[in-house]
Amino acid sequence: MRNSIFNRRLFLALGITTVVFYSCSKDDNGGTGSNVSTIKAANVINSSSDISTAEAVIYGYNDDYTVAQAPFKNNGFTLNLSATVPDEYLDAITDNTYVWEEASISDKTAKVASIDDINAYNSGGSYVGFFDCATVDLYNDNTDPANYVEAGWLYVDKNVTITGEFNNDSGNNAKINLTLKKGWNICFYTATATPMTIGQSTLSYISSMSSQKPSGITLEWYFEYKLN
């Protein structure tokens, strides 16, 4: 299985070793991340006639939890998120899947889960790809973008604030600034390539994770067919 953006983007960029969201059409989800109950997708790019349903999933240790499922129609979907997440799918907020040791956490007793994927299935129930919400196509394009923003969802069982700043071994900076309300929250991961790596085949990024939508960006929905 793929990992959610909380591992795939932020923490791998930080150089931390670990084993770790989405109405993105225009401003449907607003600029802040609190108390989100639905995920709406419209005008999906790279769409396919194979898609029948969309399903938001949390990957557990023994099985997976379906947060919401909806038909794919008119080139989009609306997922009504579950009001709560079963305790067996929640992790401690201090798990380095989500934050690093240097982060300041307002309530370390909080528990958290992320929507790891929004999967796409055909009419026979077979997996055909997944959906991603970002400023660029991160998976069907063979080049690393110099700058991008990607959206994701976090569930917490109580209000919690996470802040911090970190420099990895390469000296690249990363920041986290999340104000999470009990329930579902949309978060925004921002990556900006360091000037010294522009033009290289592999880029090194300065990164941040925030509850506040960055200004001046347009998030789009992409159907990603190539990855499992």
C-alpha atoms as a PDB file:
ATOM      1  CA  MET A   1       0.000   0.000   0.000  1.00  0.00           C
ATOM      2  CA  ARG A   2       1.054   3.607  -0.525  1.00  0.00           C
ATOM      3  CA  ASN A   3       1.610   5.844   2.462  1.00  0.00           C
ATOM      4  CA  SER A   4      -0.286   9.055   3.167  1.00  0.00           C
ATOM      5  CA  ILE A   5       1.231  12.473   2.565  1.00  0.00           C
ATOM      6  CA  PHE A   6       2.226  12.719   6.209  1.00  0.00           C
ATOM      7  CA  ASN A   7       4.941  10.175   5.539  1.00  0.00           C
ATOM      8  CA  ARG A   8       5.267  10.330   1.785  1.00  0.00           C
ATOM      9  CA  ARG A   9       5.950  14.052   1.646  1.00  0.00           C
ATOM     10  CA  LEU A  10       6.776  15.711   4.949  1.00  0.00           C
ATOM     11  CA  PHE A  11       8.681  13.156   6.945  1.00  0.00           C
ATOM     12  CA  LEU A  12      10.685  11.586   4.157  1.00  0.00           C
ATOM     13  CA  ALA A  13      11.665  15.097   3.153  1.00  0.00           C
ATOM     14  CA  LEU A  14      12.824  15.681   6.714  1.00  0.00           C
ATOM     15  CA  GLY A  15      15.091  12.677   6.584  1.00  0.00           C
ATOM     16  CA  ILE A  16      13.266  10.889   9.413  1.00  0.00           C
ATOM     17  CA  THR A  17      12.982   7.119   9.013  1.00  0.00           C
ATOM     18  CA  THR A  18       9.388   5.933   9.536  1.00  0.00           C
ATOM     19  CA  VAL A  19       7.245   3.137   8.189  1.00  0.00           C
ATOM     20  CA  VAL A  20       2.990   7.415   7.436  1.00  0.00           C
ATOM     21  CA  PHE A  21      -7.207  14.896   1.901  1.00  0.00           C
ATOM     22  CA  TYR A  22     -10.008  16.430  -0.218  1.00  0.00           C
ATOM     23  CA  SER A  23     -12.355  18.978  -1.897  1.00  0.00           C
ATOM     24  CA  CYS A  24      -9.686  20.598  -3.917  1.00  0.00           C
ATOM     25  CA  SER A  25     -11.581  22.017  -6.805  1.00  0.00           C
ATOM     26  CA  LYS A  26     -11.055  25.739  -6.344  1.00  0.00           C
ATOM     27  CA  ASP A  27     -11.943  26.780  -2.765  1.00  0.00           C
ATOM     28  CA  ASP A  28     -14.618  24.243  -1.835  1.00  0.00           C
ATOM     29  CA  ASN A  29     -12.909  23.427   1.462  1.00  0.00           C
ATOM     30  CA  GLY A  30     -12.089  26.979   2.411  1.00  0.00           C
ATOM     31  CA  GLY A  31      -8.813  28.223   3.805  1.00  0.00           C
ATOM     32  CA  THR A  32      -8.684  26.523   7.190  1.00  0.00           C
ATOM     33  CA  GLY A  33      -8.754  22.936   8.284  1.00  0.00           C
ATOM     34  CA  SER A  34     -11.224  22.669  11.149  1.00  0.00           C
ATOM     35  CA  ASN A  35     -14.386  20.572  11.338  1.00  0.00           C
ATOM     36  CA  VAL A  36     -14.532  19.239   7.815  1.00  0.00           C
ATOM     37  CA  SER A  37     -17.316  16.704   7.235  1.00  0.00           C
ATOM     38  CA  THR A  38     -17.267  16.150   3.471  1.00  0.00           C
ATOM     39  CA  ILE A  39     -14.734  15.715   0.688  1.00  0.00           C
ATOM     40  CA  LYS A  40     -15.890  16.987  -2.693  1.00  0.00           C
ATOM     41  CA  ALA A  41     -14.061  16.453  -5.966  1.00  0.00           C
ATOM     42  CA  ALA A  42     -15.026  18.023  -9.289  1.00  0.00           C
ATOM     43  CA  ASN A  43     -13.474  18.247 -12.742  1.00  0.00           C
ATOM     44  CA  VAL A  44     -11.057  15.381 -12.079  1.00  0.00           C
ATOM     45  CA  ILE A  45      -8.046  15.541 -14.407  1.00  0.00           C
ATOM     46  CA  ASN A  46      -6.870  12.325 -16.134  1.00  0.00           C
ATOM     47  CA  SER A  47     -10.264  10.790 -15.395  1.00  0.00           C
ATOM     48  CA  SER A  48     -11.192   7.356 -16.722  1.00  0.00           C
ATOM     49  CA  SER A  49     -14.438   5.666 -17.788  1.00  0.00           C
ATOM     50  CA  ASP A  50     -13.304   2.699 -15.649  1.00  0.00           C
ATOM     51  CA  ILE A  51     -14.058   4.565 -12.418  1.00  0.00           C
ATOM     52  CA  SER A  52     -17.296   3.634 -10.688  1.00  0.00           C
ATOM     53  CA  THR A  53     -16.734   4.481  -7.019  1.00  0.00           C
ATOM     54  CA  ALA A  54     -14.409   6.468  -4.752  1.00  0.00           C
ATOM     55  CA  GLU A  55     -13.466   5.256  -1.286  1.00  0.00           C
ATOM     56  CA  ALA A  56     -11.541   7.038   1.484  1.00  0.00           C
ATOM     57  CA  VAL A  57      -9.422   4.549   3.444  1.00  0.00           C
ATOM     58  CA  ILE A  58      -7.398   4.362   6.648  1.00  0.00           C
ATOM     59  CA  TYR A  59      -4.900   1.488   6.583  1.00  0.00           C
ATOM     60  CA  GLY A  60      -4.810  -0.449   9.858  1.00  0.00           C
ATOM     61  CA  TYR A  61      -2.352  -3.033  11.145  1.00  0.00           C
ATOM     62  CA  ASN A  62      -4.715  -5.956  10.571  1.00  0.00           C
ATOM     63  CA  ASP A  63      -7.329  -4.551   8.219  1.00  0.00           C
ATOM     64  CA  ASP A  64      -8.474  -1.306   6.628  1.00  0.00           C
ATOM     65  CA  TYR A  65     -11.211   1.126   7.653  1.00  0.00           C
ATOM     66  CA  THR A  66     -13.449   2.726   5.035  1.00  0.00           C
ATOM     67  CA  VAL A  67     -14.121   6.297   6.125  1.00  0.00           C
ATOM     68  CA  ALA A  68     -16.559   6.981   3.284  1.00  0.00           C
ATOM     69  CA  GLN A  69     -17.613   5.642  -0.112  1.00  0.00           C
ATOM     70  CA  ALA A  70     -19.467   7.374  -2.940  1.00  0.00           C
ATOM     71  CA  PRO A  71     -20.287   6.891  -6.622  1.00  0.00           C
ATOM     72  CA  PHE A  72     -18.065   8.583  -9.174  1.00  0.00           C
ATOM     73  CA  LYS A  73     -20.318  10.604 -11.466  1.00  0.00           C
ATOM     74  CA  ASN A  74     -20.174  13.824 -13.471  1.00  0.00           C
ATOM     75  CA  ASN A  75     -16.404  13.534 -13.212  1.00  0.00           C
ATOM     76  CA  GLY A  76     -16.370  13.874  -9.441  1.00  0.00           C
ATOM     77  CA  PHE A  77     -17.578  12.556  -6.098  1.00  0.00           C
ATOM     78  CA  THR A  78     -18.801  13.648  -2.668  1.00  0.00           C
ATOM     79  CA  LEU A  79     -17.629  11.669   0.353  1.00  0.00           C
ATOM     80  CA  ASN A  80     -19.474  12.141   3.655  1.00  0.00           C
ATOM     81  CA  LEU A  81     -16.849  11.370   6.270  1.00  0.00           C
ATOM     82  CA  SER A  82     -17.635   9.173   9.263  1.00  0.00           C
ATOM     83  CA  ALA A  83     -18.283  11.231  12.387  1.00  0.00           C
ATOM     84  CA  THR A  84     -15.797   9.173  14.404  1.00  0.00           C
ATOM     85  CA  VAL A  85     -12.982   6.692  13.784  1.00  0.00           C
ATOM     86  CA  PRO A  86     -12.789   3.421  15.762  1.00  0.00           C
ATOM     87  CA  ASP A  87     -10.081   3.452  18.414  1.00  0.00           C
ATOM     88  CA  GLU A  88      -8.178   0.544  16.841  1.00  0.00           C
ATOM     89  CA  TYR A  89      -7.386   2.756  13.829  1.00  0.00           C
ATOM     90  CA  LEU A  90      -6.078   5.663  15.909  1.00  0.00           C
ATOM     91  CA  ASP A  91      -2.424   6.250  16.791  1.00  0.00           C
ATOM     92  CA  ALA A  92      -0.831   8.306  19.539  1.00  0.00           C
ATOM     93  CA  ILE A  93      -0.231  11.887  18.406  1.00  0.00           C
ATOM     94  CA  THR A  94       3.397  11.417  19.526  1.00  0.00           C
ATOM     95  CA  ASP A  95       3.923   8.633  16.940  1.00  0.00           C
ATOM     96  CA  ASN A  96       6.693   9.847  14.611  1.00  0.00           C
ATOM     97  CA  THR A  97       4.502   8.805  11.717  1.00  0.00           C
ATOM     98  CA  TYR A  98       2.846  12.195  12.192  1.00  0.00           C
ATOM     99  CA  VAL A  99       5.303  14.443  14.041  1.00  0.00           C
ATOM    100  CA  TRP A 100       8.964  14.427  14.926  1.00  0.00           C
ATOM    101  CA  GLU A 101      10.415  14.375  18.419  1.00  0.00           C
ATOM    102  CA  GLU A 102      11.232  18.088  18.466  1.00  0.00           C
ATOM    103  CA  ALA A 103       7.627  19.155  17.777  1.00  0.00           C
ATOM    104  CA  SER A 104       5.608  20.901  20.460  1.00  0.00           C
ATOM    105  CA  ILE A 105       2.267  19.140  21.064  1.00  0.00           C
ATOM    106  CA  SER A 106      -0.398  20.843  23.171  1.00  0.00           C
ATOM    107  CA  ASP A 107      -2.010  17.587  24.329  1.00  0.00           C
ATOM    108  CA  LYS A 108       0.096  14.449  24.075  1.00  0.00           C
ATOM    109  CA  THR A 109      -2.852  12.245  25.029  1.00  0.00           C
ATOM    110  CA  ALA A 110      -4.580  12.999  21.703  1.00  0.00           C
ATOM    111  CA  LYS A 111      -4.996  10.247  19.120  1.00  0.00           C
ATOM    112  CA  VAL A 112      -4.877  10.683  15.360  1.00  0.00           C
ATOM    113  CA  ALA A 113      -5.524   8.963  12.039  1.00  0.00           C
ATOM    114  CA  SER A 114      -5.057  10.018   8.430  1.00  0.00           C
ATOM    115  CA  ILE A 115      -6.930   9.193   5.257  1.00  0.00           C
ATOM    116  CA  ASP A 116      -4.142   7.269   3.570  1.00  0.00           C
ATOM    117  CA  ASP A 117      -5.774   7.075   0.148  1.00  0.00           C
ATOM    118  CA  ILE A 118      -8.872   7.898  -1.798  1.00  0.00           C
ATOM    119  CA  ASN A 119      -9.055   4.824  -3.991  1.00  0.00           C
ATOM    120  CA  ALA A 120     -10.907   4.354  -7.272  1.00  0.00           C
ATOM    121  CA  TYR A 121     -12.739   1.127  -8.157  1.00  0.00           C
ATOM    122  CA  ASN A 122     -14.479  -0.084 -11.290  1.00  0.00           C
ATOM    123  CA  SER A 123     -18.024  -1.459 -11.476  1.00  0.00           C
ATOM    124  CA  GLY A 124     -16.732  -4.934 -10.580  1.00  0.00           C
ATOM    125  CA  GLY A 125     -15.107  -3.668  -7.381  1.00  0.00           C
ATOM    126  CA  SER A 126     -11.517  -3.920  -8.659  1.00  0.00           C
ATOM    127  CA  TYR A 127      -8.944  -1.254  -7.801  1.00  0.00           C
ATOM    128  CA  VAL A 128      -8.095   0.965 -10.788  1.00  0.00           C
ATOM    129  CA  GLY A 129      -6.099   3.813  -9.208  1.00  0.00           C
ATOM    130  CA  PHE A 130      -6.371   6.630  -6.675  1.00  0.00           C
ATOM    131  CA  PHE A 131      -7.176  10.325  -6.454  1.00  0.00           C
ATOM    132  CA  ASP A 132      -4.788  13.070  -5.387  1.00  0.00           C
ATOM    133  CA  CYS A 133      -5.459  16.723  -4.625  1.00  0.00           C
ATOM    134  CA  ALA A 134      -2.561  19.060  -5.400  1.00  0.00           C
ATOM    135  CA  THR A 135      -1.397  22.058  -7.393  1.00  0.00           C
ATOM    136  CA  VAL A 136       0.366  19.790  -9.934  1.00  0.00           C
ATOM    137  CA  ASP A 137       0.163  16.196 -11.147  1.00  0.00           C
ATOM    138  CA  LEU A 138       2.651  14.532  -8.803  1.00  0.00           C
ATOM    139  CA  TYR A 139       2.437  10.961 -10.073  1.00  0.00           C
ATOM    140  CA  ASN A 140       1.724  10.862 -13.809  1.00  0.00           C
ATOM    141  CA  ASP A 141       4.461  13.387 -14.548  1.00  0.00           C
ATOM    142  CA  ASN A 142       8.017  12.024 -14.725  1.00  0.00           C
ATOM    143  CA  THR A 143       9.623  15.258 -13.492  1.00  0.00           C
ATOM    144  CA  ASP A 144       9.852  16.596  -9.943  1.00  0.00           C
ATOM    145  CA  PRO A 145       8.052  19.967  -9.639  1.00  0.00           C
ATOM    146  CA  ALA A 146      10.021  22.902  -8.266  1.00  0.00           C
ATOM    147  CA  ASN A 147       7.086  23.915  -6.068  1.00  0.00           C
ATOM    148  CA  TYR A 148       3.833  22.252  -5.096  1.00  0.00           C
ATOM    149  CA  VAL A 149       1.089  22.032  -2.485  1.00  0.00           C
ATOM    150  CA  GLU A 150      -0.733  18.800  -1.654  1.00  0.00           C
ATOM    151  CA  ALA A 151      -3.822  18.386   0.547  1.00  0.00           C
ATOM    152  CA  GLY A 152      -4.609  15.672   3.084  1.00  0.00           C
ATOM    153  CA  TRP A 153      -6.975  14.838   5.953  1.00  0.00           C
ATOM    154  CA  LEU A 154      -6.346  14.181   9.644  1.00  0.00           C
ATOM    155  CA  TYR A 155      -8.795  12.963  12.278  1.00  0.00           C
ATOM    156  CA  VAL A 156      -8.111  13.720  15.966  1.00  0.00           C
ATOM    157  CA  ASP A 157     -10.135  12.628  18.974  1.00  0.00           C
ATOM    158  CA  LYS A 158      -9.620  15.951  20.779  1.00  0.00           C
ATOM    159  CA  ASN A 159      -8.398  19.463  20.040  1.00  0.00           C
ATOM    160  CA  VAL A 160      -4.632  19.645  19.642  1.00  0.00           C
ATOM    161  CA  THR A 161      -1.999  22.039  18.303  1.00  0.00           C
ATOM    162  CA  ILE A 162       1.308  20.869  16.818  1.00  0.00           C
ATOM    163  CA  THR A 163       4.125  23.284  16.034  1.00  0.00           C
ATOM    164  CA  GLY A 164       7.819  22.939  15.340  1.00  0.00           C
ATOM    165  CA  GLU A 165      10.761  23.490  13.056  1.00  0.00           C
ATOM    166  CA  PHE A 166      13.394  21.008  11.991  1.00  0.00           C
ATOM    167  CA  ASN A 167      16.599  20.917   9.947  1.00  0.00           C
ATOM    168  CA  ASN A 168      17.668  17.574   8.507  1.00  0.00           C
ATOM    169  CA  ASP A 169      21.236  16.394   7.870  1.00  0.00           C
ATOM    170  CA  SER A 170      21.302  18.267   4.553  1.00  0.00           C
ATOM    171  CA  GLY A 171      20.399  21.502   6.275  1.00  0.00           C
ATOM    172  CA  ASN A 172      16.959  21.715   4.657  1.00  0.00           C
ATOM    173  CA  ASN A 173      14.270  23.369   6.737  1.00  0.00           C
ATOM    174  CA  ALA A 174      10.802  21.993   7.502  1.00  0.00           C
ATOM    175  CA  LYS A 175       8.013  23.450   9.624  1.00  0.00           C
ATOM    176  CA  ILE A 176       4.769  22.137  11.066  1.00  0.00           C
ATOM    177  CA  ASN A 177       1.933  24.380  12.233  1.00  0.00           C
ATOM    178  CA  LEU A 178      -1.309  22.473  12.768  1.00  0.00           C
ATOM    179  CA  THR A 179      -4.305  23.617  14.773  1.00  0.00           C
ATOM    180  CA  LEU A 180      -6.560  20.558  14.768  1.00  0.00           C
ATOM    181  CA  LYS A 181     -10.129  20.454  16.065  1.00  0.00           C
ATOM    182  CA  LYS A 182     -11.795  17.253  17.258  1.00  0.00           C
ATOM    183  CA  GLY A 183     -12.972  15.427  14.153  1.00  0.00           C
ATOM    184  CA  TRP A 184     -11.714  15.762  10.581  1.00  0.00           C
ATOM    185  CA  ASN A 185      -9.290  18.487   9.491  1.00  0.00           C
ATOM    186  CA  ILE A 186      -7.833  19.337   6.101  1.00  0.00           C
ATOM    187  CA  CYS A 187      -4.084  20.038   6.071  1.00  0.00           C
ATOM    188  CA  PHE A 188      -1.775  21.447   3.422  1.00  0.00           C
ATOM    189  CA  TYR A 189       1.731  20.238   2.659  1.00  0.00           C
ATOM    190  CA  THR A 190       3.956  22.745   0.831  1.00  0.00           C
ATOM    191  CA  ALA A 191       7.289  21.885  -0.792  1.00  0.00           C
ATOM    192  CA  THR A 192       9.727  24.318  -2.402  1.00  0.00           C
ATOM    193  CA  ALA A 193      12.895  23.048  -4.067  1.00  0.00           C
ATOM    194  CA  THR A 194      16.122  24.503  -2.704  1.00  0.00           C
ATOM    195  CA  PRO A 195      17.904  26.773  -5.199  1.00  0.00           C
ATOM    196  CA  MET A 196      20.983  24.531  -5.269  1.00  0.00           C
ATOM    197  CA  THR A 197      18.971  21.595  -6.631  1.00  0.00           C
ATOM    198  CA  ILE A 198      16.948  23.392  -9.326  1.00  0.00           C
ATOM    199  CA  GLY A 199      17.764  21.826 -12.674  1.00  0.00           C
ATOM    200  CA  GLN A 200      18.883  18.540 -11.164  1.00  0.00           C
ATOM    201  CA  SER A 201      17.067  15.267 -11.758  1.00  0.00           C
ATOM    202  CA  THR A 202      16.382  14.837  -8.033  1.00  0.00           C
ATOM    203  CA  LEU A 203      15.309  17.855  -6.019  1.00  0.00           C
ATOM    204  CA  SER A 204      15.725  18.593  -2.333  1.00  0.00           C
ATOM    205  CA  TYR A 205      12.811  20.438  -0.726  1.00  0.00           C
ATOM    206  CA  ILE A 206      12.116  22.965   1.996  1.00  0.00           C
ATOM    207  CA  SER A 207       8.771  21.813   3.373  1.00  0.00           C
ATOM    208  CA  SER A 208       5.928  22.741   5.686  1.00  0.00           C
ATOM    209  CA  MET A 209       2.618  21.323   6.931  1.00  0.00           C
ATOM    210  CA  SER A 210      -0.124  23.747   7.936  1.00  0.00           C
ATOM    211  CA  SER A 211      -3.830  23.935   8.730  1.00  0.00           C
ATOM    212  CA  GLN A 212      -3.974  27.168   6.746  1.00  0.00           C
ATOM    213  CA  LYS A 213      -4.352  26.964   2.977  1.00  0.00           C
ATOM    214  CA  PRO A 214      -1.461  28.801   1.298  1.00  0.00           C
ATOM    215  CA  SER A 215      -2.567  31.952  -0.500  1.00  0.00           C
ATOM    216  CA  GLY A 216      -2.547  32.287  -4.273  1.00  0.00           C
ATOM    217  CA  ILE A 217      -2.769  28.589  -5.128  1.00  0.00           C
ATOM    218  CA  THR A 218      -5.274  26.486  -7.059  1.00  0.00           C
ATOM    219  CA  LEU A 219      -5.715  22.885  -5.971  1.00  0.00           C
ATOM    220  CA  GLU A 220      -6.986  20.388  -8.540  1.00  0.00           C
ATOM    221  CA  TRP A 221      -8.096  16.767  -8.415  1.00  0.00           C
ATOM    222  CA  TYR A 222      -6.025  14.211 -10.327  1.00  0.00           C
ATOM    223  CA  PHE A 223      -6.791  10.580 -11.047  1.00  0.00           C
ATOM    224  CA  GLU A 224      -3.573   8.605 -10.749  1.00  0.00           C
ATOM    225  CA  TYR A 225      -3.812   5.399 -12.739  1.00  0.00           C
ATOM    226  CA  LYS A 226      -0.246   4.119 -12.715  1.00  0.00           C
ATOM    227  CA  LEU A 227       0.437   3.384  -9.038  1.00  0.00           C
ATOM    228  CA  ASN A 228      -0.832   0.733  -6.635  1.00  0.00           C
END
